């Protein structure tokens, strides 16, 4: 059984080209740990991951998916509170068979947009069980 750890800092280093605006603005997300037992197939595309996250957020907030934009902050713009964030994390853990460090995820959650949260999960879903950060 393999355990996979993904730190957001390492992820950001790998995806700097895609996030030049936020890096140029001096904003970066702190580390968050995701681990997995490596038992399920990770063949989701980024669009599939983003669509599933939007579905989860819409269900939690009882809003239309079309309202959710990629650049919206999960807490400030969408209005998720700490209990909503826990629900989103738990939903992702169940759906993708992963485990977040909930304390870190909640602590840093005010900095995540729909896109940055998608990127974290998408990178995880595209890896082969051996994170190469």
N, C-alpha and C. Protein backbone atom coordinates (compact mmCIF):
# COMPACT_ATOMS: atom_id res chain seq x y z
N UNK A 1 0.85 -1.16 0.00
CA UNK A 1 0.00 0.00 0.00
C UNK A 1 0.90 1.24 0.00
N UNK A 2 0.71 2.10 -0.98
CA UNK A 2 1.51 3.31 -1.07
C UNK A 2 0.77 4.48 -0.45
N UNK A 3 1.49 5.34 0.19
CA UNK A 3 0.93 6.58 0.72
C UNK A 3 1.53 7.71 -0.09
N UNK A 4 0.69 8.62 -0.48
CA UNK A 4 1.10 9.71 -1.35
C UNK A 4 0.91 11.02 -0.59
N UNK A 5 1.93 11.85 -0.56
CA UNK A 5 1.84 13.15 0.09
C UNK A 5 2.05 14.22 -0.96
N UNK A 6 1.17 15.19 -0.99
CA UNK A 6 1.30 16.29 -1.92
C UNK A 6 1.31 17.57 -1.10
N UNK A 7 2.36 18.35 -1.22
CA UNK A 7 2.35 19.65 -0.56
C UNK A 7 2.04 20.69 -1.60
N UNK A 8 1.24 21.63 -1.22
CA UNK A 8 0.83 22.67 -2.15
C UNK A 8 2.03 23.50 -2.58
N UNK A 9 3.00 23.68 -1.70
CA UNK A 9 4.19 24.44 -2.07
C UNK A 9 4.89 23.77 -3.25
N UNK A 10 5.07 22.46 -3.20
CA UNK A 10 5.70 21.74 -4.31
C UNK A 10 4.83 21.81 -5.55
N UNK A 11 3.53 21.72 -5.36
CA UNK A 11 2.62 21.81 -6.49
C UNK A 11 2.74 23.16 -7.17
N UNK A 12 2.81 24.22 -6.38
CA UNK A 12 2.92 25.57 -6.94
C UNK A 12 4.22 25.69 -7.73
N UNK A 13 5.29 25.11 -7.22
CA UNK A 13 6.57 25.15 -7.94
C UNK A 13 6.42 24.52 -9.33
N UNK A 14 5.65 23.45 -9.43
CA UNK A 14 5.48 22.76 -10.70
C UNK A 14 4.54 23.50 -11.64
N UNK A 15 3.64 24.30 -11.08
CA UNK A 15 2.64 24.93 -11.94
C UNK A 15 2.79 26.45 -12.00
N UNK A 16 4.00 26.95 -11.82
CA UNK A 16 4.22 28.40 -11.81
C UNK A 16 3.79 29.04 -13.12
N UNK A 17 3.99 28.37 -14.22
CA UNK A 17 3.61 28.95 -15.51
C UNK A 17 2.11 29.20 -15.58
N UNK A 18 1.34 28.34 -14.96
CA UNK A 18 -0.11 28.47 -15.00
C UNK A 18 -0.63 29.48 -13.99
N UNK A 19 0.21 29.86 -13.04
CA UNK A 19 -0.25 30.76 -11.99
C UNK A 19 0.62 32.01 -11.90
N UNK A 20 1.09 32.50 -13.03
CA UNK A 20 1.98 33.66 -13.03
C UNK A 20 1.34 34.89 -12.39
N UNK A 21 0.05 35.08 -12.58
CA UNK A 21 -0.61 36.27 -12.02
C UNK A 21 -0.52 36.28 -10.50
N UNK A 22 -0.84 35.16 -9.87
CA UNK A 22 -0.83 35.14 -8.41
C UNK A 22 0.59 35.19 -7.86
N UNK A 23 1.53 34.58 -8.55
CA UNK A 23 2.91 34.61 -8.09
C UNK A 23 3.48 36.01 -8.26
N UNK A 24 3.18 36.66 -9.39
CA UNK A 24 3.66 38.02 -9.62
C UNK A 24 3.07 38.98 -8.59
N UNK A 25 1.86 38.70 -8.15
CA UNK A 25 1.21 39.55 -7.16
C UNK A 25 1.72 39.27 -5.74
N UNK A 26 2.60 38.28 -5.62
CA UNK A 26 3.16 37.96 -4.32
C UNK A 26 2.28 37.08 -3.45
N UNK A 27 1.26 36.48 -4.03
CA UNK A 27 0.41 35.59 -3.26
C UNK A 27 0.77 34.16 -3.58
N UNK A 28 0.82 33.35 -2.57
CA UNK A 28 1.04 31.92 -2.78
C UNK A 28 0.31 31.19 -1.68
N UNK A 29 -0.04 29.97 -1.95
CA UNK A 29 -0.77 29.18 -0.97
C UNK A 29 0.22 28.39 -0.13
N UNK A 30 -0.02 28.30 1.17
CA UNK A 30 0.83 27.53 2.05
C UNK A 30 0.65 26.03 1.84
N UNK A 31 1.52 25.22 2.42
CA UNK A 31 1.44 23.78 2.19
C UNK A 31 0.19 23.14 2.77
N UNK A 32 -0.29 22.14 2.08
CA UNK A 32 -1.40 21.32 2.56
C UNK A 32 -1.04 19.89 2.17
N UNK A 33 -1.33 18.96 3.02
CA UNK A 33 -0.94 17.58 2.79
C UNK A 33 -2.15 16.77 2.37
N UNK A 34 -1.98 15.98 1.31
CA UNK A 34 -2.99 15.03 0.87
C UNK A 34 -2.31 13.68 0.82
N UNK A 35 -2.96 12.68 1.35
CA UNK A 35 -2.37 11.35 1.27
C UNK A 35 -3.40 10.37 0.76
N UNK A 36 -2.91 9.28 0.20
CA UNK A 36 -3.79 8.29 -0.40
C UNK A 36 -3.19 6.91 -0.25
N UNK A 37 -4.06 5.94 -0.13
CA UNK A 37 -3.60 4.56 -0.02
C UNK A 37 -3.27 3.97 -1.37
N UNK A 38 -3.55 4.68 -2.45
CA UNK A 38 -3.20 4.21 -3.79
C UNK A 38 -4.08 3.09 -4.29
N UNK A 39 -5.32 3.03 -3.84
CA UNK A 39 -6.17 1.89 -4.20
C UNK A 39 -7.14 2.17 -5.32
N UNK A 40 -7.40 3.43 -5.65
CA UNK A 40 -8.39 3.68 -6.70
C UNK A 40 -7.74 4.24 -7.95
N UNK A 41 -8.41 4.11 -9.08
CA UNK A 41 -7.86 4.64 -10.33
C UNK A 41 -7.98 6.15 -10.37
N UNK A 42 -6.91 6.82 -10.75
CA UNK A 42 -6.91 8.28 -10.81
C UNK A 42 -6.79 8.69 -12.26
N UNK A 43 -7.91 8.66 -12.94
CA UNK A 43 -7.90 9.00 -14.36
C UNK A 43 -8.90 10.11 -14.65
N UNK A 44 -9.06 11.02 -13.71
CA UNK A 44 -9.98 12.14 -13.91
C UNK A 44 -9.26 13.28 -14.63
N UNK A 45 -9.93 13.89 -15.57
CA UNK A 45 -9.36 15.07 -16.22
C UNK A 45 -9.56 16.27 -15.31
N UNK A 46 -8.84 17.34 -15.58
CA UNK A 46 -8.98 18.56 -14.77
C UNK A 46 -10.41 19.08 -14.82
N UNK A 47 -11.01 19.03 -16.01
CA UNK A 47 -12.40 19.49 -16.14
C UNK A 47 -13.37 18.64 -15.33
N UNK A 48 -13.12 17.33 -15.28
CA UNK A 48 -13.97 16.46 -14.47
C UNK A 48 -13.82 16.77 -12.98
N UNK A 49 -12.58 17.01 -12.56
CA UNK A 49 -12.34 17.35 -11.16
C UNK A 49 -13.03 18.67 -10.82
N UNK A 50 -12.86 19.67 -11.69
CA UNK A 50 -13.48 20.98 -11.44
C UNK A 50 -15.01 20.86 -11.41
N UNK A 51 -15.57 20.10 -12.33
CA UNK A 51 -17.02 19.92 -12.37
C UNK A 51 -17.52 19.27 -11.08
N UNK A 52 -16.80 18.27 -10.61
CA UNK A 52 -17.21 17.59 -9.37
C UNK A 52 -17.10 18.52 -8.17
N UNK A 53 -16.05 19.32 -8.11
CA UNK A 53 -15.90 20.28 -7.01
C UNK A 53 -17.05 21.29 -7.04
N UNK A 54 -17.39 21.77 -8.23
CA UNK A 54 -18.50 22.73 -8.34
C UNK A 54 -19.82 22.09 -7.91
N UNK A 55 -20.03 20.83 -8.26
CA UNK A 55 -21.24 20.12 -7.82
C UNK A 55 -21.27 20.04 -6.30
N UNK A 56 -20.13 19.68 -5.71
CA UNK A 56 -20.07 19.56 -4.25
C UNK A 56 -20.36 20.90 -3.58
N UNK A 57 -19.74 21.97 -4.09
CA UNK A 57 -19.95 23.30 -3.51
C UNK A 57 -21.41 23.73 -3.66
N UNK A 58 -21.97 23.51 -4.85
CA UNK A 58 -23.36 23.88 -5.09
C UNK A 58 -24.31 23.14 -4.14
N UNK A 59 -24.04 21.86 -3.91
CA UNK A 59 -24.89 21.09 -3.00
C UNK A 59 -24.75 21.58 -1.56
N UNK A 60 -23.52 21.89 -1.15
CA UNK A 60 -23.29 22.37 0.21
C UNK A 60 -23.99 23.70 0.45
N UNK A 61 -23.86 24.61 -0.52
CA UNK A 61 -24.42 25.96 -0.36
C UNK A 61 -25.85 26.09 -0.86
N UNK A 62 -26.35 25.04 -1.50
CA UNK A 62 -27.70 25.05 -2.08
C UNK A 62 -27.85 26.21 -3.07
N UNK A 63 -26.90 26.25 -4.02
CA UNK A 63 -26.92 27.27 -5.08
C UNK A 63 -26.78 26.57 -6.42
N UNK A 64 -26.99 27.32 -7.49
CA UNK A 64 -26.82 26.79 -8.84
C UNK A 64 -25.33 26.69 -9.18
N UNK A 65 -24.95 25.60 -9.84
CA UNK A 65 -23.55 25.43 -10.26
C UNK A 65 -23.08 26.56 -11.16
N UNK A 66 -23.96 27.09 -12.00
CA UNK A 66 -23.61 28.15 -12.93
C UNK A 66 -23.14 29.42 -12.25
N UNK A 67 -23.52 29.61 -11.00
CA UNK A 67 -23.10 30.79 -10.24
C UNK A 67 -21.62 30.72 -9.88
N UNK A 68 -21.08 29.52 -9.75
CA UNK A 68 -19.72 29.32 -9.26
C UNK A 68 -18.71 29.56 -10.39
N UNK A 69 -17.87 30.57 -10.19
CA UNK A 69 -16.83 30.91 -11.16
C UNK A 69 -15.48 30.39 -10.67
N UNK A 70 -14.59 30.10 -11.63
CA UNK A 70 -13.30 29.50 -11.31
C UNK A 70 -12.42 30.35 -10.40
N UNK A 71 -12.50 31.67 -10.53
CA UNK A 71 -11.62 32.54 -9.75
C UNK A 71 -12.21 32.99 -8.42
N UNK A 72 -13.36 32.45 -8.05
CA UNK A 72 -13.99 32.82 -6.78
C UNK A 72 -13.26 32.17 -5.60
N UNK A 73 -13.03 32.99 -4.56
CA UNK A 73 -12.47 32.46 -3.32
C UNK A 73 -13.54 31.63 -2.62
N UNK A 74 -13.13 30.47 -2.10
CA UNK A 74 -14.10 29.57 -1.49
C UNK A 74 -14.83 30.21 -0.32
N UNK A 75 -14.12 30.98 0.49
CA UNK A 75 -14.75 31.56 1.67
C UNK A 75 -15.28 32.96 1.40
N UNK A 76 -14.42 33.85 0.93
CA UNK A 76 -14.81 35.25 0.77
C UNK A 76 -15.89 35.44 -0.30
N UNK A 77 -15.70 34.84 -1.47
CA UNK A 77 -16.63 35.06 -2.58
C UNK A 77 -17.84 34.13 -2.55
N UNK A 78 -17.61 32.86 -2.24
CA UNK A 78 -18.71 31.89 -2.25
C UNK A 78 -19.42 31.80 -0.91
N UNK A 79 -18.75 32.22 0.15
CA UNK A 79 -19.39 32.24 1.46
C UNK A 79 -19.34 30.93 2.23
N UNK A 80 -18.43 30.03 1.87
CA UNK A 80 -18.30 28.81 2.66
C UNK A 80 -17.78 29.18 4.04
N UNK A 81 -18.37 28.61 5.08
CA UNK A 81 -17.84 28.80 6.43
C UNK A 81 -17.02 27.57 6.80
N UNK A 82 -16.53 27.52 8.02
CA UNK A 82 -15.64 26.42 8.41
C UNK A 82 -16.35 25.07 8.33
N UNK A 83 -17.61 25.02 8.68
CA UNK A 83 -18.34 23.75 8.58
C UNK A 83 -18.56 23.35 7.12
N UNK A 84 -18.82 24.33 6.27
CA UNK A 84 -18.95 24.05 4.84
C UNK A 84 -17.64 23.53 4.26
N UNK A 85 -16.52 24.15 4.69
CA UNK A 85 -15.21 23.70 4.21
C UNK A 85 -14.94 22.27 4.65
N UNK A 86 -15.27 21.96 5.90
CA UNK A 86 -15.11 20.58 6.37
C UNK A 86 -15.93 19.62 5.52
N UNK A 87 -17.16 20.01 5.21
CA UNK A 87 -18.02 19.16 4.38
C UNK A 87 -17.41 18.97 3.00
N UNK A 88 -16.88 20.04 2.40
CA UNK A 88 -16.23 19.94 1.09
C UNK A 88 -15.03 19.00 1.16
N UNK A 89 -14.22 19.16 2.19
CA UNK A 89 -13.04 18.30 2.37
C UNK A 89 -13.47 16.85 2.53
N UNK A 90 -14.46 16.61 3.37
CA UNK A 90 -14.94 15.23 3.58
C UNK A 90 -15.52 14.65 2.30
N UNK A 91 -16.25 15.46 1.55
CA UNK A 91 -16.80 14.98 0.27
C UNK A 91 -15.68 14.60 -0.69
N UNK A 92 -14.64 15.42 -0.76
CA UNK A 92 -13.49 15.12 -1.63
C UNK A 92 -12.77 13.86 -1.15
N UNK A 93 -12.60 13.74 0.17
CA UNK A 93 -11.96 12.54 0.72
C UNK A 93 -12.72 11.28 0.33
N UNK A 94 -14.03 11.34 0.45
CA UNK A 94 -14.85 10.17 0.13
C UNK A 94 -14.84 9.89 -1.37
N UNK A 95 -15.04 10.92 -2.19
CA UNK A 95 -15.15 10.73 -3.63
C UNK A 95 -13.83 10.26 -4.24
N UNK A 96 -12.71 10.88 -3.83
CA UNK A 96 -11.41 10.57 -4.42
C UNK A 96 -10.59 9.59 -3.60
N UNK A 97 -11.14 9.12 -2.49
CA UNK A 97 -10.45 8.18 -1.61
C UNK A 97 -9.09 8.72 -1.19
N UNK A 98 -9.10 9.93 -0.67
CA UNK A 98 -7.88 10.59 -0.21
C UNK A 98 -8.09 11.04 1.23
N UNK A 99 -7.04 11.55 1.82
CA UNK A 99 -7.13 12.06 3.18
C UNK A 99 -6.41 13.39 3.26
N UNK A 100 -7.13 14.44 3.61
CA UNK A 100 -6.55 15.76 3.83
C UNK A 100 -6.10 15.88 5.28
N UNK A 101 -5.15 16.73 5.52
CA UNK A 101 -4.87 17.19 6.87
C UNK A 101 -5.88 18.30 7.11
N UNK A 102 -7.00 17.98 7.75
CA UNK A 102 -8.11 18.92 7.88
C UNK A 102 -7.72 20.22 8.56
N UNK A 103 -6.85 20.14 9.58
CA UNK A 103 -6.46 21.35 10.30
C UNK A 103 -5.76 22.33 9.37
N UNK A 104 -4.81 21.84 8.56
CA UNK A 104 -4.12 22.71 7.61
C UNK A 104 -5.08 23.21 6.54
N UNK A 105 -5.92 22.32 6.04
CA UNK A 105 -6.85 22.71 4.98
C UNK A 105 -7.78 23.82 5.46
N UNK A 106 -8.28 23.70 6.68
CA UNK A 106 -9.16 24.74 7.21
C UNK A 106 -8.40 26.03 7.48
N UNK A 107 -7.19 25.90 8.00
CA UNK A 107 -6.39 27.09 8.33
C UNK A 107 -6.12 27.93 7.09
N UNK A 108 -5.82 27.28 5.98
CA UNK A 108 -5.45 27.99 4.75
C UNK A 108 -6.60 28.16 3.77
N UNK A 109 -7.77 27.69 4.11
CA UNK A 109 -8.88 27.65 3.15
C UNK A 109 -9.31 29.01 2.64
N UNK A 110 -9.07 30.07 3.38
CA UNK A 110 -9.49 31.40 2.92
C UNK A 110 -8.71 31.85 1.69
N UNK A 111 -7.59 31.20 1.40
CA UNK A 111 -6.76 31.59 0.27
C UNK A 111 -7.07 30.83 -1.01
N UNK A 112 -7.91 29.82 -0.95
CA UNK A 112 -8.14 28.97 -2.11
C UNK A 112 -9.31 29.44 -2.95
N UNK A 113 -9.07 29.44 -4.26
CA UNK A 113 -10.15 29.68 -5.22
C UNK A 113 -10.65 28.32 -5.70
N UNK A 114 -11.72 28.34 -6.44
CA UNK A 114 -12.21 27.10 -7.05
C UNK A 114 -11.10 26.50 -7.92
N UNK A 115 -10.42 27.36 -8.68
CA UNK A 115 -9.34 26.90 -9.56
C UNK A 115 -8.16 26.31 -8.79
N UNK A 116 -7.70 26.98 -7.74
CA UNK A 116 -6.54 26.46 -7.01
C UNK A 116 -6.88 25.16 -6.29
N UNK A 117 -8.09 25.05 -5.77
CA UNK A 117 -8.52 23.82 -5.13
C UNK A 117 -8.61 22.70 -6.17
N UNK A 118 -9.11 23.04 -7.35
CA UNK A 118 -9.17 22.08 -8.45
C UNK A 118 -7.78 21.61 -8.83
N UNK A 119 -6.84 22.55 -8.94
CA UNK A 119 -5.47 22.19 -9.31
C UNK A 119 -4.83 21.23 -8.32
N UNK A 120 -5.08 21.45 -7.04
CA UNK A 120 -4.54 20.55 -6.02
C UNK A 120 -5.06 19.14 -6.25
N UNK A 121 -6.37 19.01 -6.37
CA UNK A 121 -6.97 17.68 -6.56
C UNK A 121 -6.63 17.09 -7.92
N UNK A 122 -6.60 17.92 -8.95
CA UNK A 122 -6.29 17.43 -10.29
C UNK A 122 -4.88 16.86 -10.35
N UNK A 123 -3.93 17.55 -9.78
CA UNK A 123 -2.56 17.04 -9.79
C UNK A 123 -2.51 15.70 -9.07
N UNK A 124 -3.21 15.60 -7.96
CA UNK A 124 -3.27 14.36 -7.21
C UNK A 124 -3.87 13.24 -8.05
N UNK A 125 -4.96 13.54 -8.76
CA UNK A 125 -5.65 12.52 -9.55
C UNK A 125 -4.86 12.10 -10.77
N UNK A 126 -3.95 12.93 -11.25
CA UNK A 126 -3.15 12.59 -12.42
C UNK A 126 -1.85 11.87 -12.06
N UNK A 127 -1.48 11.87 -10.78
CA UNK A 127 -0.23 11.23 -10.40
C UNK A 127 -0.42 9.72 -10.35
N UNK A 128 0.69 9.02 -10.34
CA UNK A 128 0.64 7.56 -10.43
C UNK A 128 0.84 6.86 -9.08
N UNK A 129 0.72 7.59 -8.00
CA UNK A 129 0.95 6.99 -6.69
C UNK A 129 2.30 7.35 -6.13
N UNK A 130 3.18 7.88 -6.95
CA UNK A 130 4.48 8.35 -6.51
C UNK A 130 4.61 9.81 -6.86
N UNK A 131 4.31 10.67 -5.91
CA UNK A 131 4.37 12.10 -6.17
C UNK A 131 5.81 12.51 -6.46
N UNK A 132 5.98 13.20 -7.56
CA UNK A 132 7.31 13.62 -7.97
C UNK A 132 7.39 15.14 -7.89
N UNK A 133 7.45 15.66 -6.68
CA UNK A 133 7.45 17.10 -6.46
C UNK A 133 8.80 17.73 -6.50
